[in-house]
N, C-alpha and C. Protein backbone atom coordinates (compact mmCIF):
# COMPACT_ATOMS: atom_id res chain seq x y z
N UNK A 1 0.83 -1.17 0.00
CA UNK A 1 0.00 0.00 0.00
C UNK A 1 0.89 1.24 0.00
N UNK A 2 0.32 2.35 -0.46
CA UNK A 2 1.09 3.59 -0.53
C UNK A 2 1.05 4.29 0.82
N UNK A 3 2.22 4.53 1.29
CA UNK A 3 2.38 5.23 2.56
C UNK A 3 2.06 6.72 2.35
N UNK A 4 1.47 7.44 3.30
CA UNK A 4 1.19 8.87 3.12
C UNK A 4 2.45 9.68 2.85
N UNK A 5 3.56 9.23 3.39
CA UNK A 5 4.81 9.93 3.14
C UNK A 5 5.22 9.78 1.67
N UNK A 6 5.02 8.60 1.08
CA UNK A 6 5.32 8.37 -0.34
C UNK A 6 4.40 9.22 -1.22
N UNK A 7 3.14 9.30 -0.83
CA UNK A 7 2.18 10.10 -1.58
C UNK A 7 2.59 11.58 -1.54
N UNK A 8 3.06 12.04 -0.40
CA UNK A 8 3.54 13.42 -0.28
C UNK A 8 4.72 13.66 -1.21
N UNK A 9 5.66 12.73 -1.26
CA UNK A 9 6.82 12.88 -2.14
C UNK A 9 6.42 12.87 -3.61
N UNK A 10 5.43 12.06 -3.97
CA UNK A 10 4.95 12.04 -5.37
C UNK A 10 4.31 13.38 -5.72
N UNK A 11 3.49 13.91 -4.83
CA UNK A 11 2.85 15.21 -5.08
C UNK A 11 3.90 16.31 -5.14
N UNK A 12 4.87 16.28 -4.26
CA UNK A 12 5.93 17.29 -4.30
C UNK A 12 6.75 17.18 -5.59
N UNK A 13 7.00 15.99 -6.07
CA UNK A 13 7.74 15.81 -7.33
C UNK A 13 6.94 16.37 -8.50
N UNK A 14 5.64 16.12 -8.53
CA UNK A 14 4.80 16.67 -9.60
C UNK A 14 4.76 18.20 -9.53
N UNK A 15 4.68 18.72 -8.32
CA UNK A 15 4.69 20.19 -8.16
C UNK A 15 6.02 20.77 -8.64
N UNK A 16 7.11 20.09 -8.34
CA UNK A 16 8.42 20.56 -8.79
C UNK A 16 8.50 20.54 -10.31
N UNK A 17 7.95 19.51 -10.93
CA UNK A 17 7.95 19.43 -12.41
C UNK A 17 7.13 20.58 -12.98
N UNK A 18 5.94 20.83 -12.45
CA UNK A 18 5.09 21.89 -12.96
C UNK A 18 5.72 23.27 -12.73
N UNK A 19 6.32 23.47 -11.58
CA UNK A 19 6.99 24.76 -11.32
C UNK A 19 8.17 24.96 -12.26
N UNK A 20 8.93 23.90 -12.51
CA UNK A 20 10.06 23.99 -13.43
C UNK A 20 9.58 24.33 -14.84
N UNK A 21 8.51 23.67 -15.27
CA UNK A 21 7.96 23.94 -16.60
C UNK A 21 7.46 25.38 -16.69
N UNK A 22 6.78 25.86 -15.64
CA UNK A 22 6.28 27.24 -15.63
C UNK A 22 7.42 28.24 -15.70
N UNK A 23 8.46 28.04 -14.91
CA UNK A 23 9.59 28.98 -14.92
C UNK A 23 10.34 28.94 -16.24
N UNK A 24 10.43 27.77 -16.86
CA UNK A 24 11.06 27.71 -18.19
C UNK A 24 10.24 28.49 -19.21
N UNK A 25 8.91 28.31 -19.16
CA UNK A 25 8.04 29.05 -20.07
C UNK A 25 8.15 30.55 -19.80
N UNK A 26 8.16 30.95 -18.53
CA UNK A 26 8.27 32.36 -18.17
C UNK A 26 9.60 32.94 -18.64
N UNK A 27 10.68 32.21 -18.47
CA UNK A 27 11.99 32.66 -18.93
C UNK A 27 12.01 32.81 -20.45
N UNK A 28 11.38 31.88 -21.15
CA UNK A 28 11.29 31.95 -22.61
C UNK A 28 10.54 33.22 -23.03
N UNK A 29 9.43 33.53 -22.37
CA UNK A 29 8.66 34.72 -22.70
C UNK A 29 9.44 35.99 -22.43
N UNK A 30 10.17 36.02 -21.34
CA UNK A 30 11.00 37.20 -21.03
C UNK A 30 12.07 37.38 -22.09
N UNK A 31 12.69 36.29 -22.51
CA UNK A 31 13.73 36.36 -23.54
C UNK A 31 13.14 36.88 -24.85
N UNK A 32 11.95 36.44 -25.22
CA UNK A 32 11.31 36.90 -26.45
C UNK A 32 11.02 38.41 -26.37
N UNK A 33 10.54 38.88 -25.22
CA UNK A 33 10.24 40.31 -25.06
C UNK A 33 11.53 41.13 -25.13
N UNK A 34 12.57 40.68 -24.47
CA UNK A 34 13.84 41.42 -24.48
C UNK A 34 14.43 41.44 -25.88
N UNK A 35 14.31 40.34 -26.60
CA UNK A 35 14.81 40.30 -27.99
C UNK A 35 14.04 41.29 -28.87
N UNK A 36 12.71 41.34 -28.67
CA UNK A 36 11.90 42.30 -29.42
C UNK A 36 12.31 43.73 -29.11
N UNK A 37 12.56 44.02 -27.85
CA UNK A 37 13.02 45.36 -27.47
C UNK A 37 14.37 45.68 -28.09
N UNK A 38 15.24 44.68 -28.14
CA UNK A 38 16.56 44.89 -28.73
C UNK A 38 16.44 45.23 -30.21
N UNK A 39 15.58 44.51 -30.92
CA UNK A 39 15.38 44.79 -32.35
C UNK A 39 14.77 46.18 -32.52
N UNK A 40 13.80 46.51 -31.68
CA UNK A 40 13.17 47.83 -31.76
C UNK A 40 14.17 48.94 -31.51
N UNK A 41 14.99 48.80 -30.49
CA UNK A 41 16.00 49.82 -30.19
C UNK A 41 17.03 49.94 -31.30
N UNK A 42 17.38 48.83 -31.93
CA UNK A 42 18.32 48.88 -33.05
C UNK A 42 17.72 49.68 -34.20
N UNK A 43 16.43 49.46 -34.49
CA UNK A 43 15.77 50.19 -35.56
C UNK A 43 15.67 51.68 -35.22
N UNK A 44 15.35 52.00 -33.99
CA UNK A 44 15.26 53.40 -33.58
C UNK A 44 16.63 54.07 -33.71
N UNK A 45 17.67 53.35 -33.32
CA UNK A 45 19.02 53.89 -33.44
C UNK A 45 19.38 54.17 -34.90
N UNK A 46 19.02 53.26 -35.79
CA UNK A 46 19.29 53.47 -37.21
C UNK A 46 18.52 54.69 -37.74
N UNK A 47 17.27 54.83 -37.30
CA UNK A 47 16.49 55.98 -37.76
C UNK A 47 17.09 57.29 -37.25
N UNK A 48 17.53 57.31 -36.00
CA UNK A 48 18.17 58.52 -35.49
C UNK A 48 19.47 58.82 -36.23
N UNK A 49 20.23 57.80 -36.58
CA UNK A 49 21.46 58.03 -37.35
C UNK A 49 21.13 58.60 -38.72
N UNK A 50 20.07 58.10 -39.35
CA UNK A 50 19.66 58.63 -40.65
C UNK A 50 19.23 60.09 -40.53
N UNK A 51 18.47 60.39 -39.49
CA UNK A 51 18.02 61.77 -39.28
C UNK A 51 19.22 62.67 -39.02
N UNK A 52 20.18 62.17 -38.23
CA UNK A 52 21.38 62.97 -37.94
C UNK A 52 22.17 63.25 -39.21
N UNK A 53 22.31 62.24 -40.09
CA UNK A 53 23.01 62.47 -41.36
C UNK A 53 22.25 63.46 -42.23
N UNK A 54 20.91 63.36 -42.23
CA UNK A 54 20.10 64.28 -43.02
C UNK A 54 20.28 65.71 -42.52
N UNK A 55 20.24 65.89 -41.23
CA UNK A 55 20.40 67.24 -40.66
C UNK A 55 21.80 67.77 -40.95
N UNK A 56 22.82 66.91 -40.84
CA UNK A 56 24.19 67.35 -41.12
C UNK A 56 24.32 67.75 -42.59
N UNK A 57 23.70 67.00 -43.48
CA UNK A 57 23.73 67.34 -44.90
C UNK A 57 23.03 68.65 -45.18
N UNK A 58 21.87 68.84 -44.54
CA UNK A 58 21.15 70.10 -44.71
C UNK A 58 21.96 71.27 -44.17
N UNK A 59 22.65 71.04 -43.07
CA UNK A 59 23.46 72.11 -42.47
C UNK A 59 24.58 72.52 -43.42
N UNK A 60 25.26 71.55 -44.02
CA UNK A 60 26.33 71.90 -44.95
C UNK A 60 25.77 72.61 -46.18
N UNK A 61 24.60 72.19 -46.66
CA UNK A 61 24.01 72.87 -47.81
C UNK A 61 23.63 74.30 -47.46
N UNK A 62 23.07 74.50 -46.27
CA UNK A 62 22.73 75.86 -45.87
C UNK A 62 23.97 76.71 -45.70
N UNK A 63 25.03 76.13 -45.14
CA UNK A 63 26.26 76.90 -44.96
C UNK A 63 26.84 77.32 -46.31
N UNK A 64 26.87 76.41 -47.27
CA UNK A 64 27.41 76.77 -48.58
C UNK A 64 26.50 77.76 -49.30
N UNK A 65 25.18 77.58 -49.13
CA UNK A 65 24.27 78.52 -49.81
C UNK A 65 24.35 79.91 -49.20
N UNK A 66 24.56 79.99 -47.89
CA UNK A 66 24.67 81.33 -47.29
C UNK A 66 25.94 82.03 -47.74
N UNK A 67 27.01 81.28 -47.92
CA UNK A 67 28.23 81.93 -48.42
C UNK A 67 28.01 82.39 -49.86
N UNK A 68 27.32 81.58 -50.66
CA UNK A 68 27.03 81.98 -52.03
C UNK A 68 26.09 83.19 -52.05
N UNK A 69 25.11 83.19 -51.18
CA UNK A 69 24.18 84.32 -51.14
C UNK A 69 24.91 85.59 -50.70
N UNK A 70 25.84 85.47 -49.77
CA UNK A 70 26.62 86.63 -49.35
C UNK A 70 27.43 87.18 -50.51
N UNK A 71 28.06 86.30 -51.27
CA UNK A 71 28.84 86.74 -52.43
C UNK A 71 27.94 87.37 -53.47
N UNK A 72 26.77 86.77 -53.70
CA UNK A 72 25.84 87.34 -54.67
C UNK A 72 25.35 88.71 -54.23
N UNK A 73 25.11 88.87 -52.93
CA UNK A 73 24.67 90.17 -52.43
C UNK A 73 25.75 91.22 -52.62
N UNK A 74 27.00 90.85 -52.39
CA UNK A 74 28.11 91.80 -52.60
C UNK A 74 28.20 92.20 -54.07
N UNK A 75 28.08 91.22 -54.97
CA UNK A 75 28.14 91.53 -56.41
C UNK A 75 26.96 92.41 -56.82
N UNK A 76 25.79 92.12 -56.28
CA UNK A 76 24.60 92.91 -56.62
C UNK A 76 24.75 94.33 -56.10
N UNK A 77 25.28 94.46 -54.89
CA UNK A 77 25.50 95.78 -54.32
C UNK A 77 26.50 96.57 -55.18
N UNK A 78 27.56 95.91 -55.61
CA UNK A 78 28.56 96.58 -56.47
C UNK A 78 27.94 96.97 -57.80
N UNK A 79 27.09 96.08 -58.34
CA UNK A 79 26.45 96.39 -59.62
C UNK A 79 25.49 97.55 -59.49
N UNK A 80 24.76 97.59 -58.40
CA UNK A 80 23.83 98.69 -58.19
C UNK A 80 24.58 100.00 -58.01
N UNK A 81 25.66 99.98 -57.26
CA UNK A 81 26.46 101.21 -57.07
C UNK A 81 27.05 101.68 -58.40
N UNK A 82 27.56 100.75 -59.18
CA UNK A 82 28.13 101.16 -60.47
C UNK A 82 27.03 101.62 -61.42
N UNK A 83 25.85 101.05 -61.31
CA UNK A 83 24.72 101.49 -62.15
C UNK A 83 24.27 102.88 -61.77
N UNK A 84 24.25 103.18 -60.48
CA UNK A 84 23.85 104.49 -60.02
C UNK A 84 24.89 105.54 -60.45
N UNK A 85 26.16 105.20 -60.41
CA UNK A 85 27.20 106.12 -60.84
C UNK A 85 27.09 106.41 -62.33
N UNK A 86 26.71 105.40 -63.12
CA UNK A 86 26.57 105.60 -64.56
C UNK A 86 25.35 106.45 -64.90
N UNK A 87 24.31 106.40 -64.06
CA UNK A 87 23.11 107.18 -64.34
C UNK A 87 23.39 108.66 -64.07
N UNK A 88 24.16 109.01 -63.07
CA UNK A 88 24.43 110.41 -62.72
C UNK A 88 25.33 110.98 -63.71
């Protein structure tokens, strides 16, 4: 016949198996979530790098265009002054 102590050990063994299975499943789910976050953060980082390159490119274009506009303004000012001198 089954002794109550043996029955207790069988129940404890089954509980240990179920707890182990639950913790393995829980660990698997945590790993999947962390992996998803890692992929998401990698994509966000790439997007920020693209935006940073875009802004840097726009900055260089604005800097070169402002120097060109300054030169054009100087030439226009000189042309207007020489035009006014020719009219008088």
